[in-house]
mmCIF file of all heavy atoms, coordinates in Angstrom:
data_MODEL
# 
_entry.id   MODEL 
# 
loop_
_atom_site.group_PDB 
_atom_site.id 
_atom_site.type_symbol 
_atom_site.label_atom_id 
_atom_site.label_alt_id 
_atom_site.label_comp_id 
_atom_site.label_asym_id 
_atom_site.label_entity_id 
_atom_site.label_seq_id 
_atom_site.pdbx_PDB_ins_code 
_atom_site.Cartn_x 
_atom_site.Cartn_y 
_atom_site.Cartn_z 
_atom_site.occupancy 
_atom_site.B_iso_or_equiv 
_atom_site.pdbx_formal_charge 
_atom_site.auth_seq_id 
_atom_site.auth_comp_id 
_atom_site.auth_asym_id 
_atom_site.auth_atom_id 
_atom_site.pdbx_PDB_model_num 
ATOM 1   N N   . MET A 1 1  ? 10.368 8.335  -9.275  1.00 0.00 ? 1  MET A N   1 
ATOM 2   C CA  . MET A 1 1  ? 10.481 6.937  -8.905  1.00 0.00 ? 1  MET A CA  1 
ATOM 3   C C   . MET A 1 1  ? 9.193  6.145  -9.107  1.00 0.00 ? 1  MET A C   1 
ATOM 4   O O   . MET A 1 1  ? 9.205  5.013  -9.584  1.00 0.00 ? 1  MET A O   1 
ATOM 5   C CB  . MET A 1 1  ? 10.936 6.814  -7.449  1.00 0.00 ? 1  MET A CB  1 
ATOM 6   C CG  . MET A 1 1  ? 11.046 5.383  -6.949  1.00 0.00 ? 1  MET A CG  1 
ATOM 7   S SD  . MET A 1 1  ? 12.183 4.364  -7.931  1.00 0.00 ? 1  MET A SD  1 
ATOM 8   C CE  . MET A 1 1  ? 13.751 5.026  -7.397  1.00 0.00 ? 1  MET A CE  1 
ATOM 9   N N   . GLY A 1 2  ? 8.055  6.733  -8.768  1.00 0.00 ? 2  GLY A N   1 
ATOM 10  C CA  . GLY A 1 2  ? 6.809  5.998  -8.913  1.00 0.00 ? 2  GLY A CA  1 
ATOM 11  C C   . GLY A 1 2  ? 5.655  6.750  -8.292  1.00 0.00 ? 2  GLY A C   1 
ATOM 12  O O   . GLY A 1 2  ? 5.835  7.822  -7.699  1.00 0.00 ? 2  GLY A O   1 
ATOM 13  N N   . VAL A 1 3  ? 4.467  6.172  -8.436  1.00 0.00 ? 3  VAL A N   1 
ATOM 14  C CA  . VAL A 1 3  ? 3.254  6.793  -7.918  1.00 0.00 ? 3  VAL A CA  1 
ATOM 15  C C   . VAL A 1 3  ? 2.432  5.736  -7.176  1.00 0.00 ? 3  VAL A C   1 
ATOM 16  O O   . VAL A 1 3  ? 2.254  4.618  -7.680  1.00 0.00 ? 3  VAL A O   1 
ATOM 17  C CB  . VAL A 1 3  ? 2.409  7.405  -9.061  1.00 0.00 ? 3  VAL A CB  1 
ATOM 18  C CG1 . VAL A 1 3  ? 1.113  8.000  -8.516  1.00 0.00 ? 3  VAL A CG1 1 
ATOM 19  C CG2 . VAL A 1 3  ? 3.208  8.452  -9.826  1.00 0.00 ? 3  VAL A CG2 1 
ATOM 20  N N   . ASP A 1 4  ? 1.967  6.072  -5.994  1.00 0.00 ? 4  ASP A N   1 
ATOM 21  C CA  . ASP A 1 4  ? 1.066  5.196  -5.250  1.00 0.00 ? 4  ASP A CA  1 
ATOM 22  C C   . ASP A 1 4  ? -0.290 5.209  -5.959  1.00 0.00 ? 4  ASP A C   1 
ATOM 23  O O   . ASP A 1 4  ? -0.952 6.254  -6.013  1.00 0.00 ? 4  ASP A O   1 
ATOM 24  C CB  . ASP A 1 4  ? 0.926  5.699  -3.809  1.00 0.00 ? 4  ASP A CB  1 
ATOM 25  C CG  . ASP A 1 4  ? 0.125  4.742  -2.933  1.00 0.00 ? 4  ASP A CG  1 
ATOM 26  O OD1 . ASP A 1 4  ? -0.927 4.246  -3.386  1.00 0.00 ? 4  ASP A OD1 1 
ATOM 27  O OD2 . ASP A 1 4  ? 0.533  4.524  -1.774  1.00 0.00 ? 4  ASP A OD2 1 
ATOM 28  N N   . ILE A 1 5  ? -0.691 4.065  -6.513  1.00 0.00 ? 5  ILE A N   1 
ATOM 29  C CA  . ILE A 1 5  ? -1.907 4.051  -7.324  1.00 0.00 ? 5  ILE A CA  1 
ATOM 30  C C   . ILE A 1 5  ? -3.185 4.122  -6.486  1.00 0.00 ? 5  ILE A C   1 
ATOM 31  O O   . ILE A 1 5  ? -4.279 4.275  -7.038  1.00 0.00 ? 5  ILE A O   1 
ATOM 32  C CB  . ILE A 1 5  ? -1.948 2.815  -8.251  1.00 0.00 ? 5  ILE A CB  1 
ATOM 33  C CG1 . ILE A 1 5  ? -2.004 1.520  -7.438  1.00 0.00 ? 5  ILE A CG1 1 
ATOM 34  C CG2 . ILE A 1 5  ? -0.755 2.824  -9.198  1.00 0.00 ? 5  ILE A CG2 1 
ATOM 35  C CD1 . ILE A 1 5  ? -2.220 0.277  -8.288  1.00 0.00 ? 5  ILE A CD1 1 
ATOM 36  N N   . GLU A 1 6  ? -3.053 4.027  -5.160  1.00 0.00 ? 6  GLU A N   1 
ATOM 37  C CA  . GLU A 1 6  ? -4.219 4.180  -4.294  1.00 0.00 ? 6  GLU A CA  1 
ATOM 38  C C   . GLU A 1 6  ? -4.417 5.632  -3.870  1.00 0.00 ? 6  GLU A C   1 
ATOM 39  O O   . GLU A 1 6  ? -5.523 6.152  -3.848  1.00 0.00 ? 6  GLU A O   1 
ATOM 40  C CB  . GLU A 1 6  ? -4.082 3.286  -3.054  1.00 0.00 ? 6  GLU A CB  1 
ATOM 41  C CG  . GLU A 1 6  ? -3.973 1.807  -3.362  1.00 0.00 ? 6  GLU A CG  1 
ATOM 42  C CD  . GLU A 1 6  ? -5.175 1.265  -4.115  1.00 0.00 ? 6  GLU A CD  1 
ATOM 43  O OE1 . GLU A 1 6  ? -6.307 1.765  -3.893  1.00 0.00 ? 6  GLU A OE1 1 
ATOM 44  O OE2 . GLU A 1 6  ? -4.993 0.340  -4.935  1.00 0.00 ? 6  GLU A OE2 1 
ATOM 45  N N   . THR A 1 7  ? -3.309 6.309  -3.525  1.00 0.00 ? 7  THR A N   1 
ATOM 46  C CA  . THR A 1 7  ? -3.408 7.696  -3.049  1.00 0.00 ? 7  THR A CA  1 
ATOM 47  C C   . THR A 1 7  ? -3.102 8.713  -4.135  1.00 0.00 ? 7  THR A C   1 
ATOM 48  O O   . THR A 1 7  ? -3.345 9.909  -3.946  1.00 0.00 ? 7  THR A O   1 
ATOM 49  C CB  . THR A 1 7  ? -2.431 7.921  -1.883  1.00 0.00 ? 7  THR A CB  1 
ATOM 50  O OG1 . THR A 1 7  ? -1.080 7.799  -2.372  1.00 0.00 ? 7  THR A OG1 1 
ATOM 51  C CG2 . THR A 1 7  ? -2.651 6.918  -0.767  1.00 0.00 ? 7  THR A CG2 1 
ATOM 52  N N   . PHE A 1 8  ? -2.506 8.237  -5.276  1.00 0.00 ? 8  PHE A N   1 
ATOM 53  C CA  . PHE A 1 8  ? -2.094 9.090  -6.402  1.00 0.00 ? 8  PHE A CA  1 
ATOM 54  C C   . PHE A 1 8  ? -0.889 9.974  -6.058  1.00 0.00 ? 8  PHE A C   1 
ATOM 55  O O   . PHE A 1 8  ? -0.586 10.912 -6.785  1.00 0.00 ? 8  PHE A O   1 
ATOM 56  C CB  . PHE A 1 8  ? -3.241 9.972  -6.909  1.00 0.00 ? 8  PHE A CB  1 
ATOM 57  C CG  . PHE A 1 8  ? -4.546 9.251  -7.090  1.00 0.00 ? 8  PHE A CG  1 
ATOM 58  C CD1 . PHE A 1 8  ? -5.743 9.872  -6.779  1.00 0.00 ? 8  PHE A CD1 1 
ATOM 59  C CD2 . PHE A 1 8  ? -4.583 7.944  -7.563  1.00 0.00 ? 8  PHE A CD2 1 
ATOM 60  C CE1 . PHE A 1 8  ? -6.952 9.210  -6.942  1.00 0.00 ? 8  PHE A CE1 1 
ATOM 61  C CE2 . PHE A 1 8  ? -5.778 7.265  -7.728  1.00 0.00 ? 8  PHE A CE2 1 
ATOM 62  C CZ  . PHE A 1 8  ? -6.969 7.899  -7.418  1.00 0.00 ? 8  PHE A CZ  1 
ATOM 63  N N   . GLU A 1 9  ? -0.220 9.684  -4.941  1.00 0.00 ? 9  GLU A N   1 
ATOM 64  C CA  . GLU A 1 9  ? 0.918  10.510 -4.519  1.00 0.00 ? 9  GLU A CA  1 
ATOM 65  C C   . GLU A 1 9  ? 2.222  9.945  -5.080  1.00 0.00 ? 9  GLU A C   1 
ATOM 66  O O   . GLU A 1 9  ? 2.519  8.760  -4.905  1.00 0.00 ? 9  GLU A O   1 
ATOM 67  C CB  . GLU A 1 9  ? 0.991  10.559 -2.994  1.00 0.00 ? 9  GLU A CB  1 
ATOM 68  C CG  . GLU A 1 9  ? -0.208 11.236 -2.343  1.00 0.00 ? 9  GLU A CG  1 
ATOM 69  C CD  . GLU A 1 9  ? -0.174 11.157 -0.821  1.00 0.00 ? 9  GLU A CD  1 
ATOM 70  O OE1 . GLU A 1 9  ? 0.864  10.713 -0.275  1.00 0.00 ? 9  GLU A OE1 1 
ATOM 71  O OE2 . GLU A 1 9  ? -1.185 11.529 -0.189  1.00 0.00 ? 9  GLU A OE2 1 
ATOM 72  N N   . PRO A 1 10 ? 3.022  10.777 -5.734  1.00 0.00 ? 10 PRO A N   1 
ATOM 73  C CA  . PRO A 1 10 ? 4.338  10.327 -6.188  1.00 0.00 ? 10 PRO A CA  1 
ATOM 74  C C   . PRO A 1 10 ? 5.255  10.062 -4.992  1.00 0.00 ? 10 PRO A C   1 
ATOM 75  O O   . PRO A 1 10 ? 5.060  10.618 -3.903  1.00 0.00 ? 10 PRO A O   1 
ATOM 76  C CB  . PRO A 1 10 ? 4.862  11.500 -7.025  1.00 0.00 ? 10 PRO A CB  1 
ATOM 77  C CG  . PRO A 1 10 ? 3.652  12.331 -7.320  1.00 0.00 ? 10 PRO A CG  1 
ATOM 78  C CD  . PRO A 1 10 ? 2.737  12.158 -6.152  1.00 0.00 ? 10 PRO A CD  1 
ATOM 79  N N   . ALA A 1 11 ? 6.272  9.231  -5.212  1.00 0.00 ? 11 ALA A N   1 
ATOM 80  C CA  . ALA A 1 11 ? 7.247  8.920  -4.163  1.00 0.00 ? 11 ALA A CA  1 
ATOM 81  C C   . ALA A 1 11 ? 8.563  9.648  -4.428  1.00 0.00 ? 11 ALA A C   1 
ATOM 82  O O   . ALA A 1 11 ? 8.966  9.795  -5.573  1.00 0.00 ? 11 ALA A O   1 
ATOM 83  C CB  . ALA A 1 11 ? 7.488  7.411  -4.125  1.00 0.00 ? 11 ALA A CB  1 
ATOM 84  N N   . PRO A 1 12 ? 9.220  10.101 -3.319  1.00 0.00 ? 12 PRO A N   1 
ATOM 85  C CA  . PRO A 1 12 ? 8.765  10.074 -1.936  1.00 0.00 ? 12 PRO A CA  1 
ATOM 86  C C   . PRO A 1 12 ? 7.703  11.144 -1.680  1.00 0.00 ? 12 PRO A C   1 
ATOM 87  O O   . PRO A 1 12 ? 7.833  12.266 -2.175  1.00 0.00 ? 12 PRO A O   1 
ATOM 88  C CB  . PRO A 1 12 ? 10.032 10.362 -1.140  1.00 0.00 ? 12 PRO A CB  1 
ATOM 89  C CG  . PRO A 1 12 ? 10.868 11.182 -2.070  1.00 0.00 ? 12 PRO A CG  1 
ATOM 90  C CD  . PRO A 1 12 ? 10.578 10.656 -3.441  1.00 0.00 ? 12 PRO A CD  1 
ATOM 91  N N   . SER A 1 13 ? 6.683  10.788 -0.929  1.00 0.00 ? 13 SER A N   1 
ATOM 92  C CA  . SER A 1 13 ? 5.586  11.717 -0.670  1.00 0.00 ? 13 SER A CA  1 
ATOM 93  C C   . SER A 1 13 ? 5.905  12.584 0.538   1.00 0.00 ? 13 SER A C   1 
ATOM 94  O O   . SER A 1 13 ? 6.109  12.084 1.637   1.00 0.00 ? 13 SER A O   1 
ATOM 95  C CB  . SER A 1 13 ? 4.295  10.939 -0.423  1.00 0.00 ? 13 SER A CB  1 
ATOM 96  O OG  . SER A 1 13 ? 3.234  11.821 -0.103  1.00 0.00 ? 13 SER A OG  1 
ATOM 97  N N   . VAL A 1 14 ? 5.954  13.877 0.313   1.00 0.00 ? 14 VAL A N   1 
ATOM 98  C CA  . VAL A 1 14 ? 6.211  14.839 1.387   1.00 0.00 ? 14 VAL A CA  1 
ATOM 99  C C   . VAL A 1 14 ? 4.900  15.578 1.645   1.00 0.00 ? 14 VAL A C   1 
ATOM 100 O O   . VAL A 1 14 ? 4.542  16.499 0.901   1.00 0.00 ? 14 VAL A O   1 
ATOM 101 C CB  . VAL A 1 14 ? 7.331  15.825 1.004   1.00 0.00 ? 14 VAL A CB  1 
ATOM 102 C CG1 . VAL A 1 14 ? 7.604  16.791 2.162   1.00 0.00 ? 14 VAL A CG1 1 
ATOM 103 C CG2 . VAL A 1 14 ? 8.599  15.073 0.608   1.00 0.00 ? 14 VAL A CG2 1 
ATOM 104 N N   . ALA A 1 15 ? 4.167  15.115 2.657   1.00 0.00 ? 15 ALA A N   1 
ATOM 105 C CA  . ALA A 1 15 ? 2.850  15.680 2.973   1.00 0.00 ? 15 ALA A CA  1 
ATOM 106 C C   . ALA A 1 15 ? 1.939  15.689 1.753   1.00 0.00 ? 15 ALA A C   1 
ATOM 107 O O   . ALA A 1 15 ? 1.203  16.651 1.510   1.00 0.00 ? 15 ALA A O   1 
ATOM 108 C CB  . ALA A 1 15 ? 2.999  17.086 3.561   1.00 0.00 ? 15 ALA A CB  1 
ATOM 109 N N   . GLY A 1 16 ? 2.031  14.613 0.950   1.00 0.00 ? 16 GLY A N   1 
ATOM 110 C CA  . GLY A 1 16 ? 1.146  14.467 -0.196  1.00 0.00 ? 16 GLY A CA  1 
ATOM 111 C C   . GLY A 1 16 ? 1.698  14.952 -1.518  1.00 0.00 ? 16 GLY A C   1 
ATOM 112 O O   . GLY A 1 16 ? 1.065  14.764 -2.558  1.00 0.00 ? 16 GLY A O   1 
ATOM 113 N N   . TYR A 1 17 ? 2.868  15.562 -1.496  1.00 0.00 ? 17 TYR A N   1 
ATOM 114 C CA  . TYR A 1 17 ? 3.459  16.100 -2.716  1.00 0.00 ? 17 TYR A CA  1 
ATOM 115 C C   . TYR A 1 17 ? 4.881  15.552 -2.890  1.00 0.00 ? 17 TYR A C   1 
ATOM 116 O O   . TYR A 1 17 ? 5.523  15.105 -1.933  1.00 0.00 ? 17 TYR A O   1 
ATOM 117 C CB  . TYR A 1 17 ? 3.496  17.628 -2.684  1.00 0.00 ? 17 TYR A CB  1 
ATOM 118 C CG  . TYR A 1 17 ? 2.124  18.260 -2.702  1.00 0.00 ? 17 TYR A CG  1 
ATOM 119 C CD1 . TYR A 1 17 ? 1.412  18.442 -1.510  1.00 0.00 ? 17 TYR A CD1 1 
ATOM 120 C CD2 . TYR A 1 17 ? 1.526  18.654 -3.899  1.00 0.00 ? 17 TYR A CD2 1 
ATOM 121 C CE1 . TYR A 1 17 ? 0.142  19.016 -1.516  1.00 0.00 ? 17 TYR A CE1 1 
ATOM 122 C CE2 . TYR A 1 17 ? 0.262  19.219 -3.915  1.00 0.00 ? 17 TYR A CE2 1 
ATOM 123 C CZ  . TYR A 1 17 ? -0.424 19.399 -2.723  1.00 0.00 ? 17 TYR A CZ  1 
ATOM 124 O OH  . TYR A 1 17 ? -1.677 19.949 -2.750  1.00 0.00 ? 17 TYR A OH  1 
ATOM 125 N N   . SER A 1 18 ? 5.373  15.608 -4.118  1.00 0.00 ? 18 SER A N   1 
ATOM 126 C CA  . SER A 1 18 ? 6.740  15.196 -4.372  1.00 0.00 ? 18 SER A CA  1 
ATOM 127 C C   . SER A 1 18 ? 7.324  16.050 -5.483  1.00 0.00 ? 18 SER A C   1 
ATOM 128 O O   . SER A 1 18 ? 6.692  17.020 -5.945  1.00 0.00 ? 18 SER A O   1 
ATOM 129 C CB  . SER A 1 18 ? 6.811  13.711 -4.741  1.00 0.00 ? 18 SER A CB  1 
ATOM 130 O OG  . SER A 1 18 ? 8.151  13.251 -4.702  1.00 0.00 ? 18 SER A OG  1 
ATOM 131 N N   . THR A 1 19 ? 8.516  15.696 -5.927  1.00 0.00 ? 19 THR A N   1 
ATOM 132 C CA  . THR A 1 19 ? 9.179  16.424 -7.009  1.00 0.00 ? 19 THR A CA  1 
ATOM 133 C C   . THR A 1 19 ? 10.107 15.462 -7.728  1.00 0.00 ? 19 THR A C   1 
ATOM 134 O O   . THR A 1 19 ? 10.258 14.308 -7.319  1.00 0.00 ? 19 THR A O   1 
ATOM 135 C CB  . THR A 1 19 ? 9.954  17.635 -6.457  1.00 0.00 ? 19 THR A CB  1 
ATOM 136 O OG1 . THR A 1 19 ? 10.400 18.446 -7.552  1.00 0.00 ? 19 THR A OG1 1 
ATOM 137 C CG2 . THR A 1 19 ? 11.153 17.203 -5.630  1.00 0.00 ? 19 THR A CG2 1 
ATOM 138 N N   . TYR A 1 20 ? 10.723 15.906 -8.790  1.00 0.00 ? 20 TYR A N   1 
ATOM 139 C CA  . TYR A 1 20 ? 11.661 15.068 -9.520  1.00 0.00 ? 20 TYR A CA  1 
ATOM 140 C C   . TYR A 1 20 ? 12.958 14.959 -8.723  1.00 0.00 ? 20 TYR A C   1 
ATOM 141 O O   . TYR A 1 20 ? 13.446 15.945 -8.168  1.00 0.00 ? 20 TYR A O   1 
ATOM 142 C CB  . TYR A 1 20 ? 11.937 15.643 -10.907 1.00 0.00 ? 20 TYR A CB  1 
ATOM 143 C CG  . TYR A 1 20 ? 10.679 15.822 -11.725 1.00 0.00 ? 20 TYR A CG  1 
ATOM 144 C CD1 . TYR A 1 20 ? 10.219 17.091 -12.071 1.00 0.00 ? 20 TYR A CD1 1 
ATOM 145 C CD2 . TYR A 1 20 ? 9.926  14.722 -12.118 1.00 0.00 ? 20 TYR A CD2 1 
ATOM 146 C CE1 . TYR A 1 20 ? 9.059  17.249 -12.811 1.00 0.00 ? 20 TYR A CE1 1 
ATOM 147 C CE2 . TYR A 1 20 ? 8.763  14.871 -12.857 1.00 0.00 ? 20 TYR A CE2 1 
ATOM 148 C CZ  . TYR A 1 20 ? 8.328  16.147 -13.197 1.00 0.00 ? 20 TYR A CZ  1 
ATOM 149 O OH  . TYR A 1 20 ? 7.175  16.307 -13.917 1.00 0.00 ? 20 TYR A OH  1 
ATOM 150 N N   . GLY A 1 21 ? 13.507 13.756 -8.653  1.00 0.00 ? 21 GLY A N   1 
ATOM 151 C CA  . GLY A 1 21 ? 14.702 13.538 -7.850  1.00 0.00 ? 21 GLY A CA  1 
ATOM 152 C C   . GLY A 1 21 ? 15.841 12.948 -8.642  1.00 0.00 ? 21 GLY A C   1 
ATOM 153 O O   . GLY A 1 21 ? 15.797 12.867 -9.876  1.00 0.00 ? 21 GLY A O   1 
ATOM 154 N N   . GLY A 1 22 ? 16.871 12.532 -7.922  1.00 0.00 ? 22 GLY A N   1 
ATOM 155 C CA  . GLY A 1 22 ? 18.059 11.955 -8.543  1.00 0.00 ? 22 GLY A CA  1 
ATOM 156 C C   . GLY A 1 22 ? 18.049 10.442 -8.432  1.00 0.00 ? 22 GLY A C   1 
ATOM 157 O O   . GLY A 1 22 ? 17.975 9.881  -7.341  1.00 0.00 ? 22 GLY A O   1 
ATOM 158 N N   . TYR A 1 23 ? 18.136 9.767  -9.577  1.00 0.00 ? 23 TYR A N   1 
ATOM 159 C CA  . TYR A 1 23 ? 18.064 8.312  -9.652  1.00 0.00 ? 23 TYR A CA  1 
ATOM 160 C C   . TYR A 1 23 ? 19.466 7.723  -9.666  1.00 0.00 ? 23 TYR A C   1 
ATOM 161 O O   . TYR A 1 23 ? 20.334 8.145  -10.434 1.00 0.00 ? 23 TYR A O   1 
ATOM 162 C CB  . TYR A 1 23 ? 17.310 7.928  -10.927 1.00 0.00 ? 23 TYR A CB  1 
ATOM 163 C CG  . TYR A 1 23 ? 17.030 6.464  -11.106 1.00 0.00 ? 23 TYR A CG  1 
ATOM 164 C CD1 . TYR A 1 23 ? 16.363 5.735  -10.133 1.00 0.00 ? 23 TYR A CD1 1 
ATOM 165 C CD2 . TYR A 1 23 ? 17.419 5.806  -12.280 1.00 0.00 ? 23 TYR A CD2 1 
ATOM 166 C CE1 . TYR A 1 23 ? 16.089 4.385  -10.317 1.00 0.00 ? 23 TYR A CE1 1 
ATOM 167 C CE2 . TYR A 1 23 ? 17.145 4.469  -12.473 1.00 0.00 ? 23 TYR A CE2 1 
ATOM 168 C CZ  . TYR A 1 23 ? 16.483 3.757  -11.488 1.00 0.00 ? 23 TYR A CZ  1 
ATOM 169 O OH  . TYR A 1 23 ? 16.210 2.423  -11.672 1.00 0.00 ? 23 TYR A OH  1 
ATOM 170 N N   . SER A 1 24 ? 19.697 6.727  -8.800  1.00 0.00 ? 24 SER A N   1 
ATOM 171 C CA  . SER A 1 24 ? 21.011 6.091  -8.696  1.00 0.00 ? 24 SER A CA  1 
ATOM 172 C C   . SER A 1 24 ? 20.818 4.597  -8.481  1.00 0.00 ? 24 SER A C   1 
ATOM 173 O O   . SER A 1 24 ? 19.723 4.069  -8.597  1.00 0.00 ? 24 SER A O   1 
ATOM 174 C CB  . SER A 1 24 ? 21.799 6.709  -7.534  1.00 0.00 ? 24 SER A CB  1 
ATOM 175 O OG  . SER A 1 24 ? 21.114 6.509  -6.294  1.00 0.00 ? 24 SER A OG  1 
ATOM 176 N N   . GLY A 1 25 ? 21.902 3.896  -8.152  1.00 0.00 ? 25 GLY A N   1 
ATOM 177 C CA  . GLY A 1 25 ? 21.808 2.469  -7.928  1.00 0.00 ? 25 GLY A CA  1 
ATOM 178 C C   . GLY A 1 25 ? 22.066 1.657  -9.186  1.00 0.00 ? 25 GLY A C   1 
ATOM 179 O O   . GLY A 1 25 ? 22.427 2.195  -10.241 1.00 0.00 ? 25 GLY A O   1 
# 
């Protein structure tokens, strides 16, 4: 989905880490 350009954490951030997810909408 995206990356927080201040913390460098991808969204959704789970304790600083993320993974590839399912895109809908």
